[in-house]
Amino acid sequence: MADRVREATRGRRLRRGVTLFEVLVAMAVLIALGALALPNLADMLDRRKLDNQVDEVVGQMMLARAKAQSDGSMVELVFLPRAGRMVVRGIGRPSDAPRSSSGTTTNSQAIAEPWADKPVDPSITVAVGSFSATAAEEADDFDSSGPLGDRTATSDPSRGGAGTPIAFGDRPADRFVQDDGEDDDAPTRVAVFAGDGSAVFAGCCRLTDERGRVVLIAVNPWTGLPAIDRGDGSATHASSHAADGSALPSADRNEGTRGAAAPAAAGTGAAKGGTTQDDNATSSAAPSFEFDDWP
């Protein structure tokens, strides 16, 4: 009887236990799954950093525009490369409203709001510039009906990139030209918003993460609304409503439904959209900043 009990007990113990080999196999499977998931997780976290920075910049643009409308004054957004910050500042007199990207000569006033001074993620590279329309207009294959994102560009020679296309995802390089300046650490103006919601000076921000992903944030000079081009054929137009759904101060409630446009400094005119094609390949049209979408 005792022998039967011992045998039954031994059988139960054998069924409940696992061998060292089974443990090693299970660990190997877990390690393999982790190795497959880790790169995707790291990529997702890096993409989230870029998306967060885009949201921060767009939010500052919208709040700066709302501040200009509510106060009936000029408000500017300036990038400080040395400090790595985006700063919103007021402009003393309407006659002082700048129409260039230099952020050092403005009679500016600090705005005592928590959103007016925001740090830029150290892993994100910010470049402020505009789109050059001259080369596209002179090109033989220029097509004004195509999206701006399908045009060919070269970087500014003064920044060490002479003749080098600025890559933009899997699409042809966008014609983003970084602003020229004697001092790379000098403040650079991104946009200046007027009391009616328009942009007296409308620039463009190029945000690049450590993996080379690029996002462009353009300001429509007529409506002052920003648009986001992520380089994947999609374009997002900001509306004149705050994040909580409440309407921001606006002279025109319908501005949020209008398409946002390619940035252009005042006096240079709006950049036209174009599509470059050759005999063997045709660029696929993708929604982006289009001249026809402007009001």
C-alpha atoms as a PDB file:
ATOM      1  CA  MET A   1       0.000   0.000   0.000  1.00  0.00           C
ATOM      2  CA  ALA A   2       2.788   2.363   0.931  1.00  0.00           C
ATOM      3  CA  ASP A   3       4.574   1.557  -2.321  1.00  0.00           C
ATOM      4  CA  ARG A   4       1.490   2.483  -4.344  1.00  0.00           C
ATOM      5  CA  VAL A   5       1.239   5.833  -2.534  1.00  0.00           C
ATOM      6  CA  ARG A   6       4.903   6.606  -3.213  1.00  0.00           C
ATOM      7  CA  GLU A   7       4.535   5.713  -6.889  1.00  0.00           C
ATOM      8  CA  ALA A   8       1.423   7.889  -7.251  1.00  0.00           C
ATOM      9  CA  THR A   9       3.154  10.788  -5.502  1.00  0.00           C
ATOM     10  CA  ARG A  10       6.236  10.416  -7.686  1.00  0.00           C
ATOM     11  CA  GLY A  11       4.053  10.474 -10.806  1.00  0.00           C
ATOM     12  CA  ARG A  12       2.346  13.659  -9.737  1.00  0.00           C
ATOM     13  CA  ARG A  13       5.690  15.322  -9.074  1.00  0.00           C
ATOM     14  CA  LEU A  14       6.996  14.314 -12.483  1.00  0.00           C
ATOM     15  CA  ARG A  15       3.931  15.722 -14.200  1.00  0.00           C
ATOM     16  CA  ARG A  16       4.192  19.049 -12.343  1.00  0.00           C
ATOM     17  CA  GLY A  17       7.887  19.671 -13.031  1.00  0.00           C
ATOM     18  CA  VAL A  18       9.781  20.745 -16.153  1.00  0.00           C
ATOM     19  CA  THR A  19      13.182  19.765 -17.360  1.00  0.00           C
ATOM     20  CA  LEU A  20      16.153  22.094 -17.705  1.00  0.00           C
ATOM     21  CA  PHE A  21      15.960  21.673 -21.463  1.00  0.00           C
ATOM     22  CA  GLU A  22      12.372  22.946 -21.528  1.00  0.00           C
ATOM     23  CA  VAL A  23      13.375  25.985 -19.474  1.00  0.00           C
ATOM     24  CA  LEU A  24      16.199  26.788 -21.886  1.00  0.00           C
ATOM     25  CA  VAL A  25      13.880  26.430 -24.884  1.00  0.00           C
ATOM     26  CA  ALA A  26      11.339  28.775 -23.303  1.00  0.00           C
ATOM     27  CA  MET A  27      14.063  31.340 -22.551  1.00  0.00           C
ATOM     28  CA  ALA A  28      15.369  31.115 -26.111  1.00  0.00           C
ATOM     29  CA  VAL A  29      11.884  31.747 -27.499  1.00  0.00           C
ATOM     30  CA  LEU A  30      11.426  34.782 -25.231  1.00  0.00           C
ATOM     31  CA  ILE A  31      14.814  36.199 -26.222  1.00  0.00           C
ATOM     32  CA  ALA A  32      14.005  35.737 -29.914  1.00  0.00           C
ATOM     33  CA  LEU A  33      10.661  37.494 -29.532  1.00  0.00           C
ATOM     34  CA  GLY A  34      12.316  40.328 -27.622  1.00  0.00           C
ATOM     35  CA  ALA A  35      14.959  40.726 -30.320  1.00  0.00           C
ATOM     36  CA  LEU A  36      12.222  41.036 -32.937  1.00  0.00           C
ATOM     37  CA  ALA A  37      10.130  43.485 -30.931  1.00  0.00           C
ATOM     38  CA  LEU A  38      12.902  45.736 -29.583  1.00  0.00           C
ATOM     39  CA  PRO A  39      13.788  47.518 -32.865  1.00  0.00           C
ATOM     40  CA  ASN A  40      10.128  48.221 -33.559  1.00  0.00           C
ATOM     41  CA  LEU A  41       9.675  49.527 -30.026  1.00  0.00           C
ATOM     42  CA  ALA A  42      12.719  51.797 -30.312  1.00  0.00           C
ATOM     43  CA  ASP A  43      11.489  53.075 -33.675  1.00  0.00           C
ATOM     44  CA  MET A  44       8.051  53.766 -32.224  1.00  0.00           C
ATOM     45  CA  LEU A  45       9.550  55.718 -29.301  1.00  0.00           C
ATOM     46  CA  ASP A  46      11.725  57.795 -31.643  1.00  0.00           C
ATOM     47  CA  ARG A  47       8.733  58.519 -33.870  1.00  0.00           C
ATOM     48  CA  ARG A  48       6.766  59.560 -30.802  1.00  0.00           C
ATOM     49  CA  LYS A  49       9.500  62.052 -29.884  1.00  0.00           C
ATOM     50  CA  LEU A  50       9.270  63.636 -33.326  1.00  0.00           C
ATOM     51  CA  ASP A  51       5.470  63.714 -33.225  1.00  0.00           C
ATOM     52  CA  ASN A  52       5.540  65.341 -29.782  1.00  0.00           C
ATOM     53  CA  GLN A  53       7.912  68.043 -30.999  1.00  0.00           C
ATOM     54  CA  VAL A  54       5.729  68.703 -34.046  1.00  0.00           C
ATOM     55  CA  ASP A  55       2.716  69.075 -31.755  1.00  0.00           C
ATOM     56  CA  GLU A  56       4.654  71.517 -29.560  1.00  0.00           C
ATOM     57  CA  VAL A  57       5.666  73.747 -32.476  1.00  0.00           C
ATOM     58  CA  VAL A  58       2.209  73.717 -34.075  1.00  0.00           C
ATOM     59  CA  GLY A  59       0.650  74.464 -30.695  1.00  0.00           C
ATOM     60  CA  GLN A  60       2.926  77.460 -30.204  1.00  0.00           C
ATOM     61  CA  MET A  61       2.064  78.724 -33.681  1.00  0.00           C
ATOM     62  CA  MET A  62      -1.659  78.472 -33.017  1.00  0.00           C
ATOM     63  CA  LEU A  63      -1.398  80.116 -29.592  1.00  0.00           C
ATOM     64  CA  ALA A  64       0.828  82.889 -30.952  1.00  0.00           C
ATOM     65  CA  ARG A  65      -1.727  83.542 -33.685  1.00  0.00           C
ATOM     66  CA  ALA A  66      -4.545  83.577 -31.128  1.00  0.00           C
ATOM     67  CA  LYS A  67      -2.553  85.962 -28.923  1.00  0.00           C
ATOM     68  CA  ALA A  68      -2.051  88.334 -31.850  1.00  0.00           C
ATOM     69  CA  GLN A  69      -5.769  88.275 -32.625  1.00  0.00           C
ATOM     70  CA  SER A  70      -6.910  88.742 -29.034  1.00  0.00           C
ATOM     71  CA  ASP A  71      -4.503  91.639 -28.399  1.00  0.00           C
ATOM     72  CA  GLY A  72      -4.728  93.139 -31.875  1.00  0.00           C
ATOM     73  CA  SER A  73      -0.943  93.264 -32.066  1.00  0.00           C
ATOM     74  CA  MET A  74       2.005  91.629 -33.806  1.00  0.00           C
ATOM     75  CA  VAL A  75       3.362  88.398 -32.298  1.00  0.00           C
ATOM     76  CA  GLU A  76       6.378  86.432 -33.545  1.00  0.00           C
ATOM     77  CA  LEU A  77       7.694  82.891 -33.084  1.00  0.00           C
ATOM     78  CA  VAL A  78      11.499  82.697 -32.908  1.00  0.00           C
ATOM     79  CA  PHE A  79      13.846  79.713 -32.728  1.00  0.00           C
ATOM     80  CA  LEU A  80      16.896  80.121 -30.476  1.00  0.00           C
ATOM     81  CA  PRO A  81      19.494  77.568 -31.682  1.00  0.00           C
ATOM     82  CA  ARG A  82      21.998  78.184 -28.888  1.00  0.00           C
ATOM     83  CA  ALA A  83      19.418  77.680 -26.143  1.00  0.00           C
ATOM     84  CA  GLY A  84      17.455  75.076 -28.093  1.00  0.00           C
ATOM     85  CA  ARG A  85      14.130  76.791 -27.479  1.00  0.00           C
ATOM     86  CA  MET A  86      11.099  78.070 -29.374  1.00  0.00           C
ATOM     87  CA  VAL A  87      10.019  81.457 -28.021  1.00  0.00           C
ATOM     88  CA  VAL A  88       6.900  83.535 -28.704  1.00  0.00           C
ATOM     89  CA  ARG A  89       7.429  87.283 -28.369  1.00  0.00           C
ATOM     90  CA  GLY A  90       5.331  90.378 -28.828  1.00  0.00           C
ATOM     91  CA  ILE A  91       6.343  93.213 -31.141  1.00  0.00           C
ATOM     92  CA  GLY A  92       6.262  96.751 -29.802  1.00  0.00           C
ATOM     93  CA  ARG A  93       4.731  98.648 -32.714  1.00  0.00           C
ATOM     94  CA  PRO A  94       3.075  97.447 -35.928  1.00  0.00           C
ATOM     95  CA  SER A  95       5.667  99.431 -37.891  1.00  0.00           C
ATOM     96  CA  ASP A  96       8.352  97.225 -36.324  1.00  0.00           C
ATOM     97  CA  ALA A  97       6.854  94.080 -37.849  1.00  0.00           C
ATOM     98  CA  PRO A  98       9.788  92.264 -39.447  1.00  0.00           C
ATOM     99  CA  ARG A  99       9.634  90.716 -42.874  1.00  0.00           C
ATOM    100  CA  SER A 100      12.825  88.701 -42.701  1.00  0.00           C
ATOM    101  CA  SER A 101      14.046  85.637 -40.848  1.00  0.00           C
ATOM    102  CA  SER A 102      16.577  87.501 -38.706  1.00  0.00           C
ATOM    103  CA  GLY A 103      15.427  87.283 -35.107  1.00  0.00           C
ATOM    104  CA  THR A 104      17.922  89.756 -33.652  1.00  0.00           C
ATOM    105  CA  THR A 105      16.639  93.165 -34.774  1.00  0.00           C
ATOM    106  CA  THR A 106      13.059  93.135 -33.552  1.00  0.00           C
ATOM    107  CA  ASN A 107      11.735  95.477 -30.883  1.00  0.00           C
ATOM    108  CA  SER A 108      10.318  92.433 -29.108  1.00  0.00           C
ATOM    109  CA  GLN A 109       8.602  92.003 -25.759  1.00  0.00           C
ATOM    110  CA  ALA A 110       8.470  88.863 -23.641  1.00  0.00           C
ATOM    111  CA  ILE A 111       5.088  87.163 -23.216  1.00  0.00           C
ATOM    112  CA  ALA A 112       4.485  85.881 -19.692  1.00  0.00           C
ATOM    113  CA  GLU A 113       2.721  82.669 -20.654  1.00  0.00           C
ATOM    114  CA  PRO A 114       3.890  79.088 -19.977  1.00  0.00           C
ATOM    115  CA  TRP A 115       3.463  78.179 -23.655  1.00  0.00           C
ATOM    116  CA  ALA A 116       5.524  81.137 -24.884  1.00  0.00           C
ATOM    117  CA  ASP A 117       8.913  79.564 -24.104  1.00  0.00           C
ATOM    118  CA  LYS A 118       9.333  75.860 -24.868  1.00  0.00           C
ATOM    119  CA  PRO A 119      12.482  73.708 -25.094  1.00  0.00           C
ATOM    120  CA  VAL A 120      13.206  71.643 -28.189  1.00  0.00           C
ATOM    121  CA  ASP A 121      13.954  67.944 -27.738  1.00  0.00           C
ATOM    122  CA  PRO A 122      17.765  67.529 -27.961  1.00  0.00           C
ATOM    123  CA  SER A 123      17.317  64.567 -30.314  1.00  0.00           C
ATOM    124  CA  ILE A 124      15.416  66.740 -32.832  1.00  0.00           C
ATOM    125  CA  THR A 125      17.258  68.985 -35.287  1.00  0.00           C
ATOM    126  CA  VAL A 126      15.372  72.164 -36.189  1.00  0.00           C
ATOM    127  CA  ALA A 127      16.053  74.163 -39.348  1.00  0.00           C
ATOM    128  CA  VAL A 128      14.152  77.311 -40.279  1.00  0.00           C
ATOM    129  CA  GLY A 129      13.827  78.328 -43.900  1.00  0.00           C
ATOM    130  CA  SER A 130      11.446  78.632 -46.810  1.00  0.00           C
ATOM    131  CA  PHE A 131      10.669  77.164 -50.210  1.00  0.00           C
ATOM    132  CA  SER A 132      12.430  78.630 -53.222  1.00  0.00           C
ATOM    133  CA  ALA A 133      10.074  79.142 -56.167  1.00  0.00           C
ATOM    134  CA  THR A 134      12.648  80.504 -58.622  1.00  0.00           C
ATOM    135  CA  ALA A 135      14.235  77.221 -59.666  1.00  0.00           C
ATOM    136  CA  ALA A 136      10.879  75.530 -60.117  1.00  0.00           C
ATOM    137  CA  GLU A 137       9.556  78.337 -62.274  1.00  0.00           C
ATOM    138  CA  GLU A 138      12.638  78.148 -64.481  1.00  0.00           C
ATOM    139  CA  ALA A 139      12.568  74.358 -64.823  1.00  0.00           C
ATOM    140  CA  ASP A 140      11.331  73.054 -68.162  1.00  0.00           C
ATOM    141  CA  ASP A 141       9.270  70.317 -66.531  1.00  0.00           C
ATOM    142  CA  PHE A 142       7.643  72.534 -63.936  1.00  0.00           C
ATOM    143  CA  ASP A 143       3.992  71.624 -63.417  1.00  0.00           C
ATOM    144  CA  SER A 144       1.998  74.111 -61.353  1.00  0.00           C
ATOM    145  CA  SER A 145      -0.799  71.601 -60.771  1.00  0.00           C
ATOM    146  CA  GLY A 146       1.282  69.123 -58.765  1.00  0.00           C
ATOM    147  CA  PRO A 147       1.802  69.035 -55.007  1.00  0.00           C
ATOM    148  CA  LEU A 148       4.627  71.018 -53.527  1.00  0.00           C
ATOM    149  CA  GLY A 149       6.042  67.876 -51.942  1.00  0.00           C
ATOM    150  CA  ASP A 150       7.013  66.367 -55.313  1.00  0.00           C
ATOM    151  CA  ARG A 151       9.447  69.075 -56.341  1.00  0.00           C
ATOM    152  CA  THR A 152      13.220  68.840 -56.437  1.00  0.00           C
ATOM    153  CA  ALA A 153      15.409  70.973 -54.187  1.00  0.00           C
ATOM    154  CA  THR A 154      18.983  71.587 -53.222  1.00  0.00           C
ATOM    155  CA  SER A 155      20.139  72.739 -49.827  1.00  0.00           C
ATOM    156  CA  ASP A 156      21.616  76.146 -49.123  1.00  0.00           C
ATOM    157  CA  PRO A 157      25.319  76.214 -50.156  1.00  0.00           C
ATOM    158  CA  SER A 158      26.173  78.402 -47.163  1.00  0.00           C
ATOM    159  CA  ARG A 159      25.211  75.533 -44.863  1.00  0.00           C
ATOM    160  CA  GLY A 160      27.680  73.111 -46.370  1.00  0.00           C
ATOM    161  CA  GLY A 161      25.176  71.331 -48.552  1.00  0.00           C
ATOM    162  CA  ALA A 162      25.730  72.814 -51.970  1.00  0.00           C
ATOM    163  CA  GLY A 163      23.934  70.809 -54.596  1.00  0.00           C
ATOM    164  CA  THR A 164      22.781  68.189 -52.111  1.00  0.00           C
ATOM    165  CA  PRO A 165      19.070  67.313 -52.307  1.00  0.00           C
ATOM    166  CA  ILE A 166      17.305  67.408 -48.972  1.00  0.00           C
ATOM    167  CA  ALA A 167      15.719  63.967 -48.662  1.00  0.00           C
ATOM    168  CA  PHE A 168      12.070  63.834 -47.709  1.00  0.00           C
ATOM    169  CA  GLY A 169      10.928  60.300 -46.942  1.00  0.00           C
ATOM    170  CA  ASP A 170      10.465  58.147 -50.044  1.00  0.00           C
ATOM    171  CA  ARG A 171       9.336  61.083 -52.157  1.00  0.00           C
ATOM    172  CA  PRO A 172      11.541  63.387 -54.241  1.00  0.00           C
ATOM    173  CA  ALA A 173      13.458  65.938 -52.182  1.00  0.00           C
ATOM    174  CA  ASP A 174      11.456  69.011 -51.235  1.00  0.00           C
ATOM    175  CA  ARG A 175      12.815  72.377 -52.194  1.00  0.00           C
ATOM    176  CA  PHE A 176      13.349  73.530 -48.626  1.00  0.00           C
ATOM    177  CA  VAL A 177      16.107  76.136 -48.403  1.00  0.00           C
ATOM    178  CA  GLN A 178      17.567  76.839 -45.002  1.00  0.00           C
ATOM    179  CA  ASP A 179      17.891  80.526 -44.188  1.00  0.00           C
ATOM    180  CA  ASP A 180      21.331  81.980 -44.703  1.00  0.00           C
ATOM    181  CA  GLY A 181      23.012  83.717 -41.808  1.00  0.00           C
ATOM    182  CA  GLU A 182      26.447  84.723 -40.626  1.00  0.00           C
ATOM    183  CA  ASP A 183      25.877  83.169 -37.213  1.00  0.00           C
ATOM    184  CA  ASP A 184      24.279  79.728 -36.992  1.00  0.00           C
ATOM    185  CA  ASP A 185      23.541  80.364 -33.305  1.00  0.00           C
ATOM    186  CA  ALA A 186      21.652  83.606 -33.956  1.00  0.00           C
ATOM    187  CA  PRO A 187      17.888  83.662 -33.267  1.00  0.00           C
ATOM    188  CA  THR A 188      15.867  82.777 -36.352  1.00  0.00           C
ATOM    189  CA  ARG A 189      12.347  84.003 -36.953  1.00  0.00           C
ATOM    190  CA  VAL A 190       9.776  81.378 -37.905  1.00  0.00           C
ATOM    191  CA  ALA A 191       6.644  83.488 -38.348  1.00  0.00           C
ATOM    192  CA  VAL A 192       5.102  86.839 -37.459  1.00  0.00           C
ATOM    193  CA  PHE A 193       1.338  86.924 -36.883  1.00  0.00           C
ATOM    194  CA  ALA A 194      -0.821  90.027 -37.332  1.00  0.00           C
ATOM    195  CA  GLY A 195      -3.935  91.012 -35.438  1.00  0.00           C
ATOM    196  CA  ASP A 196      -6.201  89.731 -38.218  1.00  0.00           C
ATOM    197  CA  GLY A 197      -4.709  86.229 -38.000  1.00  0.00           C
ATOM    198  CA  SER A 198      -2.575  86.465 -41.124  1.00  0.00           C
ATOM    199  CA  ALA A 199       1.196  86.072 -41.148  1.00  0.00           C
ATOM    200  CA  VAL A 200       3.249  89.138 -42.022  1.00  0.00           C
ATOM    201  CA  PHE A 201       6.243  86.821 -42.299  1.00  0.00           C
ATOM    202  CA  ALA A 202       5.608  83.126 -42.935  1.00  0.00           C
ATOM    203  CA  GLY A 203       8.510  80.719 -42.691  1.00  0.00           C
ATOM    204  CA  CYS A 204       8.888  76.969 -42.572  1.00  0.00           C
ATOM    205  CA  CYS A 205      10.297  74.639 -39.908  1.00  0.00           C
ATOM    206  CA  ARG A 206      12.056  71.423 -40.831  1.00  0.00           C
ATOM    207  CA  LEU A 207      12.256  68.940 -37.950  1.00  0.00           C
ATOM    208  CA  THR A 208      14.588  65.948 -38.326  1.00  0.00           C
ATOM    209  CA  ASP A 209      15.004  63.130 -35.829  1.00  0.00           C
ATOM    210  CA  GLU A 210      18.031  60.884 -35.260  1.00  0.00           C
ATOM    211  CA  ARG A 211      16.735  58.321 -37.761  1.00  0.00           C
ATOM    212  CA  GLY A 212      16.521  60.880 -40.560  1.00  0.00           C
ATOM    213  CA  ARG A 213      12.733  61.258 -40.564  1.00  0.00           C
ATOM    214  CA  VAL A 214      11.690  64.741 -41.650  1.00  0.00           C
ATOM    215  CA  VAL A 215       8.551  66.752 -40.927  1.00  0.00           C
ATOM    216  CA  LEU A 216       7.861  70.166 -42.441  1.00  0.00           C
ATOM    217  CA  ILE A 217       5.652  72.721 -40.705  1.00  0.00           C
ATOM    218  CA  ALA A 218       4.581  75.525 -43.040  1.00  0.00           C
ATOM    219  CA  VAL A 219       2.655  78.703 -42.216  1.00  0.00           C
ATOM    220  CA  ASN A 220       0.046  80.023 -44.623  1.00  0.00           C
ATOM    221  CA  PRO A 221       0.854  83.738 -45.066  1.00  0.00           C
ATOM    222  CA  TRP A 222      -2.800  84.624 -45.723  1.00  0.00           C
ATOM    223  CA  THR A 223      -4.581  82.726 -42.957  1.00  0.00           C
ATOM    224  CA  GLY A 224      -1.679  82.249 -40.552  1.00  0.00           C
ATOM    225  CA  LEU A 225      -2.618  78.593 -40.077  1.00  0.00           C
ATOM    226  CA  PRO A 226       0.137  75.970 -39.989  1.00  0.00           C
ATOM    227  CA  ALA A 227       0.182  72.816 -42.084  1.00  0.00           C
ATOM    228  CA  ILE A 228       2.175  69.642 -41.431  1.00  0.00           C
ATOM    229  CA  ASP A 229       3.804  67.550 -44.158  1.00  0.00           C
ATOM    230  CA  ARG A 230       5.287  64.308 -42.820  1.00  0.00           C
ATOM    231  CA  GLY A 231       6.846  63.241 -46.091  1.00  0.00           C
ATOM    232  CA  ASP A 232       4.604  60.200 -46.529  1.00  0.00           C
ATOM    233  CA  GLY A 233       2.159  61.842 -48.920  1.00  0.00           C
ATOM    234  CA  SER A 234      -0.083  63.139 -46.154  1.00  0.00           C
ATOM    235  CA  ALA A 235      -0.665  66.739 -45.190  1.00  0.00           C
ATOM    236  CA  THR A 236      -2.439  67.929 -42.063  1.00  0.00           C
ATOM    237  CA  HIS A 237      -3.998  71.367 -41.908  1.00  0.00           C
ATOM    238  CA  ALA A 238      -4.437  72.943 -38.499  1.00  0.00           C
ATOM    239  CA  SER A 239      -7.847  74.382 -37.644  1.00  0.00           C
ATOM    240  CA  SER A 240      -8.708  77.534 -35.743  1.00  0.00           C
ATOM    241  CA  HIS A 241      -9.834  75.526 -32.715  1.00  0.00           C
ATOM    242  CA  ALA A 242      -7.905  74.806 -29.573  1.00  0.00           C
ATOM    243  CA  ALA A 243      -7.032  71.304 -28.416  1.00  0.00           C
ATOM    244  CA  ASP A 244     -10.050  71.253 -26.097  1.00  0.00           C
ATOM    245  CA  GLY A 245     -12.411  71.958 -28.990  1.00  0.00           C
ATOM    246  CA  SER A 246     -13.069  75.598 -28.121  1.00  0.00           C
ATOM    247  CA  ALA A 247     -12.755  78.139 -30.899  1.00  0.00           C
ATOM    248  CA  LEU A 248      -9.637  80.271 -30.863  1.00  0.00           C
ATOM    249  CA  PRO A 249     -10.061  84.014 -31.456  1.00  0.00           C
ATOM    250  CA  SER A 250     -10.375  84.489 -35.170  1.00  0.00           C
ATOM    251  CA  ALA A 251     -11.441  87.157 -37.574  1.00  0.00           C
ATOM    252  CA  ASP A 252     -12.750  84.460 -39.876  1.00  0.00           C
ATOM    253  CA  ARG A 253     -14.303  81.309 -38.360  1.00  0.00           C
ATOM    254  CA  ASN A 254     -14.005  79.508 -41.677  1.00  0.00           C
ATOM    255  CA  GLU A 255     -10.212  79.752 -41.765  1.00  0.00           C
ATOM    256  CA  GLY A 256      -9.870  76.310 -40.237  1.00  0.00           C
ATOM    257  CA  THR A 257     -11.469  74.692 -43.270  1.00  0.00           C
ATOM    258  CA  ARG A 258      -9.119  76.295 -45.724  1.00  0.00           C
ATOM    259  CA  GLY A 259      -6.025  74.489 -46.896  1.00  0.00           C
ATOM    260  CA  ALA A 260      -2.726  75.649 -45.443  1.00  0.00           C
ATOM    261  CA  ALA A 261      -0.111  76.663 -47.935  1.00  0.00           C
ATOM    262  CA  ALA A 262       3.586  76.577 -48.605  1.00  0.00           C
ATOM    263  CA  PRO A 263       5.394  79.304 -46.669  1.00  0.00           C
ATOM    264  CA  ALA A 264       6.752  82.317 -48.451  1.00  0.00           C
ATOM    265  CA  ALA A 265       8.301  85.473 -47.066  1.00  0.00           C
ATOM    266  CA  ALA A 266       6.342  88.637 -47.757  1.00  0.00           C
ATOM    267  CA  GLY A 267       7.397  90.189 -51.010  1.00  0.00           C
ATOM    268  CA  THR A 268       8.527  86.951 -52.589  1.00  0.00           C
ATOM    269  CA  GLY A 269       5.048  85.660 -53.359  1.00  0.00           C
ATOM    270  CA  ALA A 270       3.560  82.217 -52.866  1.00  0.00           C
ATOM    271  CA  ALA A 271       5.489  79.160 -53.912  1.00  0.00           C
ATOM    272  CA  LYS A 272       3.788  77.210 -56.653  1.00  0.00           C
ATOM    273  CA  GLY A 273       3.379  73.457 -56.522  1.00  0.00           C
ATOM    274  CA  GLY A 274       5.129  71.371 -59.109  1.00  0.00           C
ATOM    275  CA  THR A 275       5.823  67.772 -60.092  1.00  0.00           C
ATOM    276  CA  THR A 276       9.050  66.607 -61.677  1.00  0.00           C
ATOM    277  CA  GLN A 277       8.753  63.805 -64.220  1.00  0.00           C
ATOM    278  CA  ASP A 278      11.087  62.018 -66.586  1.00  0.00           C
ATOM    279  CA  ASP A 279      10.474  59.809 -69.622  1.00  0.00           C
ATOM    280  CA  ASN A 280      10.587  56.585 -67.629  1.00  0.00           C
ATOM    281  CA  ALA A 281       8.812  57.434 -64.393  1.00  0.00           C
ATOM    282  CA  THR A 282       5.950  59.616 -63.289  1.00  0.00           C
ATOM    283  CA  SER A 283       5.716  60.927 -59.750  1.00  0.00           C
ATOM    284  CA  SER A 284       2.492  59.979 -58.049  1.00  0.00           C
ATOM    285  CA  ALA A 285       0.423  62.903 -56.872  1.00  0.00           C
ATOM    286  CA  ALA A 286       0.030  63.109 -53.105  1.00  0.00           C
ATOM    287  CA  PRO A 287      -1.963  65.517 -50.963  1.00  0.00           C
ATOM    288  CA  SER A 288       0.337  68.291 -49.812  1.00  0.00           C
ATOM    289  CA  PHE A 289       0.544  72.072 -49.707  1.00  0.00           C
ATOM    290  CA  GLU A 290      -1.121  73.181 -52.924  1.00  0.00           C
ATOM    291  CA  PHE A 291      -1.531  76.662 -54.306  1.00  0.00           C
ATOM    292  CA  ASP A 292      -5.142  75.937 -55.239  1.00  0.00           C
ATOM    293  CA  ASP A 293      -5.984  75.196 -51.596  1.00  0.00           C
ATOM    294  CA  TRP A 294      -5.175  78.700 -50.497  1.00  0.00           C
ATOM    295  CA  PRO A 295      -8.069  81.077 -49.884  1.00  0.00           C
END
